[in-house]
C-alpha cells in the first residue's frame, strides 16, 4: 500500500499486541521494534527504516499546569 498511517500506542499495549501475534502476521513490525529497542528499558538509538519511524514520548519532560501557571 502507498498510504501512510500514524499509530500512537501505549508501550504495554504494543507489547501485548506483539505477544498475541503468534502467527507472525506483523513480523516486519516485530523486527523493527526489536532492532530499535523500543520495548527495552533504555532506548539508545533511533532506527528508522523504509516502513517505520518511532517518536518515543517516554523520555520527554512532564509539565503540570496549575492556577499559578
Protein backbone atom coordinates (compact mmCIF):
# COMPACT_ATOMS: atom_id res chain seq x y z
CA UNK A 1 0.00 0.00 0.00
CA UNK A 2 1.12 3.55 -0.64
CA UNK A 3 -0.96 5.01 2.16
CA UNK A 4 0.71 6.18 5.36
CA UNK A 5 -0.70 5.55 8.83
CA UNK A 6 0.15 7.20 12.13
CA UNK A 7 -0.28 4.93 15.11
CA UNK A 8 0.03 6.13 18.70
CA UNK A 9 0.12 3.24 21.15
CA UNK A 10 0.94 2.62 24.78
CA UNK A 11 4.11 0.55 25.17
CA UNK A 12 2.33 -2.05 27.31
CA UNK A 13 -0.39 -2.41 24.71
CA UNK A 14 2.22 -2.70 21.97
CA UNK A 15 3.98 -5.45 23.90
CA UNK A 16 0.71 -7.34 24.41
CA UNK A 17 -0.15 -6.94 20.72
CA UNK A 18 3.17 -8.44 19.63
CA UNK A 19 2.87 -11.34 22.07
CA UNK A 20 -0.63 -12.11 20.76
CA UNK A 21 0.64 -12.26 17.16
CA UNK A 22 1.53 -15.95 17.30
CA UNK A 23 1.22 -16.35 13.50
CA UNK A 24 3.78 -13.59 12.84
CA UNK A 25 1.44 -11.52 10.71
CA UNK A 26 3.37 -8.45 11.85
CA UNK A 27 6.89 -9.82 11.56
CA UNK A 28 8.35 -6.66 9.95
CA UNK A 29 6.97 -4.57 12.81
CA UNK A 30 8.31 -7.02 15.42
CA UNK A 31 11.77 -6.96 13.84
CA UNK A 32 11.79 -3.15 13.72
CA UNK A 33 10.75 -2.86 17.38
CA UNK A 34 13.48 -5.29 18.42
CA UNK A 35 16.12 -3.56 16.30
CA UNK A 36 15.16 -0.09 17.56
CA UNK A 37 14.97 -1.21 21.19
CA UNK A 38 11.54 0.37 21.59
CA UNK A 39 10.43 -2.04 24.32
CA UNK A 40 13.81 -2.14 26.06
CA UNK A 41 14.35 -0.33 29.33
CA UNK A 42 16.67 2.12 27.65
CA UNK A 43 16.16 3.08 24.03
CA UNK A 44 19.55 4.40 22.97
CA UNK A 45 19.25 4.65 19.23
CA UNK A 46 16.76 5.78 16.64
CA UNK A 47 16.46 3.12 13.96
CA UNK A 48 14.18 4.38 11.21
CA UNK A 49 13.73 2.29 8.14
CA UNK A 50 11.71 2.25 4.96
CA UNK A 51 8.43 1.41 6.65
CA UNK A 52 8.64 2.60 10.24
CA UNK A 53 9.57 5.69 12.24
CA UNK A 54 9.29 5.96 16.01
CA UNK A 55 8.81 9.01 18.21
CA UNK A 56 9.20 7.98 21.84
CA UNK A 57 7.49 10.35 24.29
CA UNK A 58 8.57 8.35 27.35
CA UNK A 59 11.68 10.46 27.88
CA UNK A 60 10.01 13.87 27.44
CA UNK A 61 9.68 16.15 30.47
CA UNK A 62 6.25 16.17 32.06
CA UNK A 63 4.74 19.53 32.95
CA UNK A 64 1.76 20.45 35.07
CA UNK A 65 -0.45 23.48 34.64
CA UNK A 66 -1.74 24.92 37.88
CA UNK A 67 -3.62 28.05 38.91
CA UNK A 68 -0.24 29.80 39.28
CA UNK A 69 0.95 28.87 35.82
